[in-house]
Amino acid sequence: MPKIIRLSINILLIYLLGCQLCYAGGIIVGRTRIIYDADKKEASLPLTNNSENIPFLIQSWIDTGDGKSRGPFVVTPPLFRLNAKQENTLRISYTGSELPSDKESIFYINVRAIPSSPKNNTNELKLVFKSRIKLFYRPQNLSGRSAEAYKSLTFFRDHNELRITNPSPYYVVFSSLKLGNTPLKDTDMIAPGAQITVKLPPDISGNIIRWGAINDFGGSSAFEERTL
């Protein structure tokens, strides 16, 4: 590849990355997860446009995890303009469709931010950014405490497989999961009452499993250890 072409490609990549960092730094989503308690009328998600002079068009909706089916929630306002240095709050309301009362249910909040551009600038590159965060619907009177649910996980190794069981009524989202010194990166979370099987690398060694979880506020718990 000629040097001039390589140089042009590198300049374009730097420009695109610079635009992405600029716009992505504009809209700040106030939380990394939403806990919707069944005894509350609504939940909220604050948004801030931290840009100096770029307004954004904000579109938001909730899905069940497949990116298509809408969950039993309404987001207001679903579409609005958020000016530079302004804040707004999304209100999330439950429509009353039947959900399990003995365990949590999970949905996903999508927030799409579209930057505006001057009308006379037809050649400007416009990048659309989308945030996607978890929404946990939590029924009343569940047994145990959500912050302690990760401690109840059980682990069993069978050759190159690791079986993880969650006996609690809460979702456990892993902040870290290691067997010996090897991180198991493809395991995001485990549903309440579920069992998952994790394929282990053939050369993995060690028999101590170490894990932590993300709490309701987006922080990481203390780590637990167990010998298999």
C-alpha atoms as a PDB file:
ATOM      1  CA  MET A   1       0.000   0.000   0.000  1.00  0.00           C
ATOM      2  CA  PRO A   2       1.517   3.403  -0.955  1.00  0.00           C
ATOM      3  CA  LYS A   3       2.606   5.598   1.948  1.00  0.00           C
ATOM      4  CA  ILE A   4       0.262   8.428   0.965  1.00  0.00           C
ATOM      5  CA  ILE A   5      -2.761   6.086   1.176  1.00  0.00           C
ATOM      6  CA  ARG A   6      -1.675   4.712   4.542  1.00  0.00           C
ATOM      7  CA  LEU A   7      -1.162   8.255   5.822  1.00  0.00           C
ATOM      8  CA  SER A   8      -4.616   9.292   4.609  1.00  0.00           C
ATOM      9  CA  ILE A   9      -6.250   6.301   6.307  1.00  0.00           C
ATOM     10  CA  ASN A  10      -4.458   7.041   9.579  1.00  0.00           C
ATOM     11  CA  ILE A  11      -5.545  10.680   9.488  1.00  0.00           C
ATOM     12  CA  LEU A  12      -9.144   9.624   8.835  1.00  0.00           C
ATOM     13  CA  LEU A  13      -9.084   7.149  11.753  1.00  0.00           C
ATOM     14  CA  ILE A  14      -7.689   9.806  14.086  1.00  0.00           C
ATOM     15  CA  TYR A  15     -10.391  12.226  12.949  1.00  0.00           C
ATOM     16  CA  LEU A  16     -13.164   9.694  13.483  1.00  0.00           C
ATOM     17  CA  LEU A  17     -11.830   8.760  16.911  1.00  0.00           C
ATOM     18  CA  GLY A  18     -11.604  12.427  17.853  1.00  0.00           C
ATOM     19  CA  CYS A  19     -15.222  13.000  16.785  1.00  0.00           C
ATOM     20  CA  GLN A  20     -16.339   9.939  18.709  1.00  0.00           C
ATOM     21  CA  LEU A  21     -14.639  11.043  21.919  1.00  0.00           C
ATOM     22  CA  CYS A  22     -16.063  14.544  21.529  1.00  0.00           C
ATOM     23  CA  TYR A  23     -19.652  13.424  21.028  1.00  0.00           C
ATOM     24  CA  ALA A  24     -19.511  10.484  23.410  1.00  0.00           C
ATOM     25  CA  GLY A  25     -18.288  12.855  26.108  1.00  0.00           C
ATOM     26  CA  GLY A  26     -21.279  15.118  25.464  1.00  0.00           C
ATOM     27  CA  ILE A  27     -24.127  12.961  26.801  1.00  0.00           C
ATOM     28  CA  ILE A  28     -23.666  11.563  30.296  1.00  0.00           C
ATOM     29  CA  VAL A  29     -26.036   8.829  31.485  1.00  0.00           C
ATOM     30  CA  GLY A  30     -26.428   9.216  35.226  1.00  0.00           C
ATOM     31  CA  ARG A  31     -26.544   5.529  36.142  1.00  0.00           C
ATOM     32  CA  THR A  32     -25.140   2.212  34.968  1.00  0.00           C
ATOM     33  CA  ARG A  33     -28.265   0.239  35.965  1.00  0.00           C
ATOM     34  CA  ILE A  34     -31.810   0.865  37.134  1.00  0.00           C
ATOM     35  CA  ILE A  35     -33.520  -1.005  39.981  1.00  0.00           C
ATOM     36  CA  TYR A  36     -37.296  -0.742  39.603  1.00  0.00           C
ATOM     37  CA  ASP A  37     -38.808  -1.606  42.968  1.00  0.00           C
ATOM     38  CA  ALA A  38     -42.335  -2.984  42.571  1.00  0.00           C
ATOM     39  CA  ASP A  39     -43.679  -0.786  45.371  1.00  0.00           C
ATOM     40  CA  LYS A  40     -42.590   2.413  43.603  1.00  0.00           C
ATOM     41  CA  LYS A  41     -44.625   4.309  40.989  1.00  0.00           C
ATOM     42  CA  GLU A  42     -41.645   4.975  38.741  1.00  0.00           C
ATOM     43  CA  ALA A  43     -37.876   4.974  38.365  1.00  0.00           C
ATOM     44  CA  SER A  44     -35.710   7.716  36.923  1.00  0.00           C
ATOM     45  CA  LEU A  45     -32.605   8.035  34.768  1.00  0.00           C
ATOM     46  CA  PRO A  46     -30.849  11.437  34.676  1.00  0.00           C
ATOM     47  CA  LEU A  47     -29.165  12.609  31.457  1.00  0.00           C
ATOM     48  CA  THR A  48     -26.735  15.508  31.070  1.00  0.00           C
ATOM     49  CA  ASN A  49     -25.438  17.158  27.910  1.00  0.00           C
ATOM     50  CA  ASN A  50     -21.910  18.085  28.939  1.00  0.00           C
ATOM     51  CA  SER A  51     -21.065  19.506  25.514  1.00  0.00           C
ATOM     52  CA  GLU A  52     -20.097  23.156  25.244  1.00  0.00           C
ATOM     53  CA  ASN A  53     -22.295  23.965  22.240  1.00  0.00           C
ATOM     54  CA  ILE A  54     -23.758  20.821  20.663  1.00  0.00           C
ATOM     55  CA  PRO A  55     -27.464  20.003  21.216  1.00  0.00           C
ATOM     56  CA  PHE A  56     -28.538  16.382  20.930  1.00  0.00           C
ATOM     57  CA  LEU A  57     -31.756  14.668  19.949  1.00  0.00           C
ATOM     58  CA  ILE A  58     -32.397  11.985  22.578  1.00  0.00           C
ATOM     59  CA  GLN A  59     -34.482   8.893  21.809  1.00  0.00           C
ATOM     60  CA  SER A  60     -35.120   6.244  24.462  1.00  0.00           C
ATOM     61  CA  TRP A  61     -36.990   2.944  24.745  1.00  0.00           C
ATOM     62  CA  ILE A  62     -36.967  -0.350  26.663  1.00  0.00           C
ATOM     63  CA  ASP A  63     -36.667  -3.869  25.259  1.00  0.00           C
ATOM     64  CA  THR A  64     -36.726  -7.380  26.682  1.00  0.00           C
ATOM     65  CA  GLY A  65     -33.185  -8.261  25.623  1.00  0.00           C
ATOM     66  CA  ASP A  66     -33.597  -9.168  21.980  1.00  0.00           C
ATOM     67  CA  GLY A  67     -33.428  -5.548  20.844  1.00  0.00           C
ATOM     68  CA  LYS A  68     -36.902  -5.764  19.286  1.00  0.00           C
ATOM     69  CA  SER A  69     -39.638  -6.684  21.785  1.00  0.00           C
ATOM     70  CA  ARG A  70     -40.659  -3.792  24.015  1.00  0.00           C
ATOM     71  CA  GLY A  71     -40.988  -4.506  27.714  1.00  0.00           C
ATOM     72  CA  PRO A  72     -43.961  -3.623  29.963  1.00  0.00           C
ATOM     73  CA  PHE A  73     -42.580  -0.129  30.648  1.00  0.00           C
ATOM     74  CA  VAL A  74     -43.100   3.357  29.293  1.00  0.00           C
ATOM     75  CA  VAL A  75     -40.297   5.926  29.073  1.00  0.00           C
ATOM     76  CA  THR A  76     -41.150   9.624  29.094  1.00  0.00           C
ATOM     77  CA  PRO A  77     -40.195  11.685  27.274  1.00  0.00           C
ATOM     78  CA  PRO A  78     -39.387   9.138  24.528  1.00  0.00           C
ATOM     79  CA  LEU A  79     -37.957  11.799  22.194  1.00  0.00           C
ATOM     80  CA  PHE A  80     -36.650  15.260  23.056  1.00  0.00           C
ATOM     81  CA  ARG A  81     -33.920  17.809  22.409  1.00  0.00           C
ATOM     82  CA  LEU A  82     -31.237  18.245  25.049  1.00  0.00           C
ATOM     83  CA  ASN A  83     -29.307  21.484  24.666  1.00  0.00           C
ATOM     84  CA  ALA A  84     -25.678  22.005  25.607  1.00  0.00           C
ATOM     85  CA  LYS A  85     -25.038  22.197  29.368  1.00  0.00           C
ATOM     86  CA  GLN A  86     -28.623  21.134  30.099  1.00  0.00           C
ATOM     87  CA  GLU A  87     -30.069  18.230  32.092  1.00  0.00           C
ATOM     88  CA  ASN A  88     -33.228  16.172  31.817  1.00  0.00           C
ATOM     89  CA  THR A  89     -34.598  13.057  33.493  1.00  0.00           C
ATOM     90  CA  LEU A  90     -36.193  10.017  31.890  1.00  0.00           C
ATOM     91  CA  ARG A  91     -39.191   8.707  33.832  1.00  0.00           C
ATOM     92  CA  ILE A  92     -39.774   4.959  33.655  1.00  0.00           C
ATOM     93  CA  SER A  93     -43.238   3.634  34.516  1.00  0.00           C
ATOM     94  CA  TYR A  94     -44.439   0.044  34.787  1.00  0.00           C
ATOM     95  CA  THR A  95     -47.568  -0.668  32.722  1.00  0.00           C
ATOM     96  CA  GLY A  96     -48.808  -3.465  34.987  1.00  0.00           C
ATOM     97  CA  SER A  97     -48.238  -6.474  32.726  1.00  0.00           C
ATOM     98  CA  GLU A  98     -47.802  -9.646  34.739  1.00  0.00           C
ATOM     99  CA  LEU A  99     -44.237 -10.439  35.794  1.00  0.00           C
ATOM    100  CA  PRO A 100     -42.901 -13.116  38.192  1.00  0.00           C
ATOM    101  CA  SER A 101     -43.426 -12.159  41.833  1.00  0.00           C
ATOM    102  CA  ASP A 102     -40.825 -14.544  43.275  1.00  0.00           C
ATOM    103  CA  LYS A 103     -37.745 -13.348  41.393  1.00  0.00           C
ATOM    104  CA  GLU A 104     -36.287 -10.409  39.506  1.00  0.00           C
ATOM    105  CA  SER A 105     -36.926  -9.782  35.804  1.00  0.00           C
ATOM    106  CA  ILE A 106     -34.479  -8.033  33.496  1.00  0.00           C
ATOM    107  CA  PHE A 107     -34.997  -5.506  30.700  1.00  0.00           C
ATOM    108  CA  TYR A 108     -32.767  -3.031  28.871  1.00  0.00           C
ATOM    109  CA  ILE A 109     -32.992   0.750  28.571  1.00  0.00           C
ATOM    110  CA  ASN A 110     -31.713   2.156  25.284  1.00  0.00           C
ATOM    111  CA  VAL A 111     -30.684   5.795  24.948  1.00  0.00           C
ATOM    112  CA  ARG A 112     -29.770   7.041  21.473  1.00  0.00           C
ATOM    113  CA  ALA A 113     -28.052  10.432  21.145  1.00  0.00           C
ATOM    114  CA  ILE A 114     -27.980  12.180  17.766  1.00  0.00           C
ATOM    115  CA  PRO A 115     -25.872  15.371  17.574  1.00  0.00           C
ATOM    116  CA  SER A 116     -27.245  18.295  15.601  1.00  0.00           C
ATOM    117  CA  SER A 117     -25.278  20.037  12.870  1.00  0.00           C
ATOM    118  CA  PRO A 118     -25.573  23.472  11.229  1.00  0.00           C
ATOM    119  CA  LYS A 119     -28.036  23.543   8.357  1.00  0.00           C
ATOM    120  CA  ASN A 120     -25.468  25.035   5.990  1.00  0.00           C
ATOM    121  CA  ASN A 121     -22.865  22.345   6.671  1.00  0.00           C
ATOM    122  CA  THR A 122     -23.842  19.410   4.440  1.00  0.00           C
ATOM    123  CA  ASN A 123     -20.417  17.724   4.603  1.00  0.00           C
ATOM    124  CA  GLU A 124     -20.203  17.351   8.367  1.00  0.00           C
ATOM    125  CA  LEU A 125     -19.772  13.826   9.705  1.00  0.00           C
ATOM    126  CA  LYS A 126     -22.599  12.970  12.112  1.00  0.00           C
ATOM    127  CA  LEU A 127     -22.116  10.087  14.550  1.00  0.00           C
ATOM    128  CA  VAL A 128     -25.019   8.519  16.446  1.00  0.00           C
ATOM    129  CA  PHE A 129     -24.282   7.026  19.864  1.00  0.00           C
ATOM    130  CA  LYS A 130     -26.321   4.548  21.833  1.00  0.00           C
ATOM    131  CA  SER A 131     -26.142   3.587  25.498  1.00  0.00           C
ATOM    132  CA  ARG A 132     -27.746   0.399  26.750  1.00  0.00           C
ATOM    133  CA  ILE A 133     -28.119  -0.326  30.462  1.00  0.00           C
ATOM    134  CA  LYS A 134     -29.825  -3.012  32.497  1.00  0.00           C
ATOM    135  CA  LEU A 135     -33.204  -2.492  34.159  1.00  0.00           C
ATOM    136  CA  PHE A 136     -34.047  -4.921  36.979  1.00  0.00           C
ATOM    137  CA  TYR A 137     -37.670  -5.212  38.042  1.00  0.00           C
ATOM    138  CA  ARG A 138     -37.611  -6.251  41.713  1.00  0.00           C
ATOM    139  CA  PRO A 139     -40.816  -7.623  43.296  1.00  0.00           C
ATOM    140  CA  GLN A 140     -41.596  -6.965  46.935  1.00  0.00           C
ATOM    141  CA  ASN A 141     -40.648  -9.320  49.762  1.00  0.00           C
ATOM    142  CA  LEU A 142     -37.980 -11.330  47.978  1.00  0.00           C
ATOM    143  CA  SER A 143     -35.966 -13.541  50.303  1.00  0.00           C
ATOM    144  CA  GLY A 144     -32.467 -12.485  51.270  1.00  0.00           C
ATOM    145  CA  ARG A 145     -30.650  -9.288  50.315  1.00  0.00           C
ATOM    146  CA  SER A 146     -29.640  -8.382  46.782  1.00  0.00           C
ATOM    147  CA  ALA A 147     -26.198  -7.242  47.954  1.00  0.00           C
ATOM    148  CA  GLU A 148     -25.518 -10.698  49.410  1.00  0.00           C
ATOM    149  CA  ALA A 149     -26.910 -12.797  46.541  1.00  0.00           C
ATOM    150  CA  TYR A 150     -23.521 -13.343  44.863  1.00  0.00           C
ATOM    151  CA  LYS A 151     -22.235 -15.064  47.995  1.00  0.00           C
ATOM    152  CA  SER A 152     -24.794 -17.866  47.585  1.00  0.00           C
ATOM    153  CA  LEU A 153     -23.506 -18.965  44.160  1.00  0.00           C
ATOM    154  CA  THR A 154     -22.274 -22.547  43.932  1.00  0.00           C
ATOM    155  CA  PHE A 155     -19.590 -23.853  41.562  1.00  0.00           C
ATOM    156  CA  PHE A 156     -18.787 -27.327  40.277  1.00  0.00           C
ATOM    157  CA  ARG A 157     -16.025 -28.249  37.852  1.00  0.00           C
ATOM    158  CA  ASP A 158     -16.369 -31.218  35.520  1.00  0.00           C
ATOM    159  CA  HIS A 159     -13.185 -31.527  33.422  1.00  0.00           C
ATOM    160  CA  ASN A 160     -13.245 -28.514  31.038  1.00  0.00           C
ATOM    161  CA  GLU A 161     -16.605 -27.182  32.198  1.00  0.00           C
ATOM    162  CA  LEU A 162     -17.587 -25.040  35.156  1.00  0.00           C
ATOM    163  CA  ARG A 163     -21.214 -25.158  36.307  1.00  0.00           C
ATOM    164  CA  ILE A 164     -22.483 -22.135  38.218  1.00  0.00           C
ATOM    165  CA  THR A 165     -25.797 -22.179  40.085  1.00  0.00           C
ATOM    166  CA  ASN A 166     -27.646 -19.169  41.461  1.00  0.00           C
ATOM    167  CA  PRO A 167     -30.166 -20.246  44.156  1.00  0.00           C
ATOM    168  CA  SER A 168     -31.165 -16.653  44.964  1.00  0.00           C
ATOM    169  CA  PRO A 169     -34.132 -14.680  43.521  1.00  0.00           C
ATOM    170  CA  TYR A 170     -31.746 -11.945  42.285  1.00  0.00           C
ATOM    171  CA  TYR A 171     -29.674 -11.484  39.154  1.00  0.00           C
ATOM    172  CA  VAL A 172     -25.945 -11.661  39.847  1.00  0.00           C
ATOM    173  CA  VAL A 173     -23.827  -9.582  37.467  1.00  0.00           C
ATOM    174  CA  PHE A 174     -20.147 -10.468  37.680  1.00  0.00           C
ATOM    175  CA  SER A 175     -17.551  -7.747  38.111  1.00  0.00           C
ATOM    176  CA  SER A 176     -14.851 -10.423  38.050  1.00  0.00           C
ATOM    177  CA  LEU A 177     -14.688 -14.200  37.713  1.00  0.00           C
ATOM    178  CA  LYS A 178     -11.435 -16.147  37.825  1.00  0.00           C
ATOM    179  CA  LEU A 179     -10.385 -19.752  38.081  1.00  0.00           C
ATOM    180  CA  GLY A 180      -6.854 -19.768  39.429  1.00  0.00           C
ATOM    181  CA  ASN A 181      -5.172 -16.864  37.637  1.00  0.00           C
ATOM    182  CA  THR A 182      -7.315 -17.126  34.494  1.00  0.00           C
ATOM    183  CA  PRO A 183     -10.179 -14.632  34.017  1.00  0.00           C
ATOM    184  CA  LEU A 184     -13.393 -16.141  32.622  1.00  0.00           C
ATOM    185  CA  LYS A 185     -14.362 -13.145  30.507  1.00  0.00           C
ATOM    186  CA  ASP A 186     -17.351 -14.463  28.574  1.00  0.00           C
ATOM    187  CA  THR A 187     -19.598 -14.795  31.633  1.00  0.00           C
ATOM    188  CA  ASP A 188     -21.567 -11.603  32.264  1.00  0.00           C
ATOM    189  CA  MET A 189     -24.296 -12.628  34.714  1.00  0.00           C
ATOM    190  CA  ILE A 190     -26.505 -15.432  35.951  1.00  0.00           C
ATOM    191  CA  ALA A 191     -30.285 -15.263  36.310  1.00  0.00           C
ATOM    192  CA  PRO A 192     -32.164 -16.061  39.538  1.00  0.00           C
ATOM    193  CA  GLY A 193     -32.670 -19.789  40.039  1.00  0.00           C
ATOM    194  CA  ALA A 194     -30.567 -20.540  36.953  1.00  0.00           C
ATOM    195  CA  GLN A 195     -27.598 -22.766  36.198  1.00  0.00           C
ATOM    196  CA  ILE A 196     -25.054 -21.926  33.494  1.00  0.00           C
ATOM    197  CA  THR A 197     -22.140 -23.900  32.082  1.00  0.00           C
ATOM    198  CA  VAL A 198     -18.873 -22.144  31.270  1.00  0.00           C
ATOM    199  CA  LYS A 199     -16.404 -23.750  28.877  1.00  0.00           C
ATOM    200  CA  LEU A 200     -12.902 -23.641  30.329  1.00  0.00           C
ATOM    201  CA  PRO A 201      -9.694 -23.225  28.314  1.00  0.00           C
ATOM    202  CA  PRO A 202      -7.919 -26.589  27.892  1.00  0.00           C
ATOM    203  CA  ASP A 203      -4.707 -25.340  29.561  1.00  0.00           C
ATOM    204  CA  ILE A 204      -6.343 -23.707  32.580  1.00  0.00           C
ATOM    205  CA  SER A 205      -4.879 -24.541  35.970  1.00  0.00           C
ATOM    206  CA  GLY A 206      -5.816 -23.953  39.589  1.00  0.00           C
ATOM    207  CA  ASN A 207      -8.765 -25.023  41.691  1.00  0.00           C
ATOM    208  CA  ILE A 208      -9.690 -21.754  43.444  1.00  0.00           C
ATOM    209  CA  ILE A 209     -12.628 -19.824  42.040  1.00  0.00           C
ATOM    210  CA  ARG A 210     -12.674 -16.102  42.878  1.00  0.00           C
ATOM    211  CA  TRP A 211     -15.527 -13.782  41.982  1.00  0.00           C
ATOM    212  CA  GLY A 212     -17.173 -10.445  42.697  1.00  0.00           C
ATOM    213  CA  ALA A 213     -20.445  -8.823  41.659  1.00  0.00           C
ATOM    214  CA  ILE A 214     -21.748  -5.401  40.668  1.00  0.00           C
ATOM    215  CA  ASN A 215     -24.099  -3.948  43.255  1.00  0.00           C
ATOM    216  CA  ASP A 216     -27.269  -1.864  42.834  1.00  0.00           C
ATOM    217  CA  PHE A 217     -25.234   1.339  42.633  1.00  0.00           C
ATOM    218  CA  GLY A 218     -22.841   0.154  39.919  1.00  0.00           C
ATOM    219  CA  GLY A 219     -19.937  -0.492  42.285  1.00  0.00           C
ATOM    220  CA  SER A 220     -18.072  -3.739  42.833  1.00  0.00           C
ATOM    221  CA  SER A 221     -18.554  -5.988  45.842  1.00  0.00           C
ATOM    222  CA  ALA A 222     -15.830  -7.572  47.911  1.00  0.00           C
ATOM    223  CA  PHE A 223     -14.450 -10.779  46.397  1.00  0.00           C
ATOM    224  CA  GLU A 224     -15.394 -14.285  47.450  1.00  0.00           C
ATOM    225  CA  GLU A 225     -13.195 -17.348  47.109  1.00  0.00           C
ATOM    226  CA  ARG A 226     -13.983 -21.017  47.069  1.00  0.00           C
ATOM    227  CA  THR A 227     -11.945 -24.177  46.461  1.00  0.00           C
ATOM    228  CA  LEU A 228     -13.458 -26.517  43.874  1.00  0.00           C
END
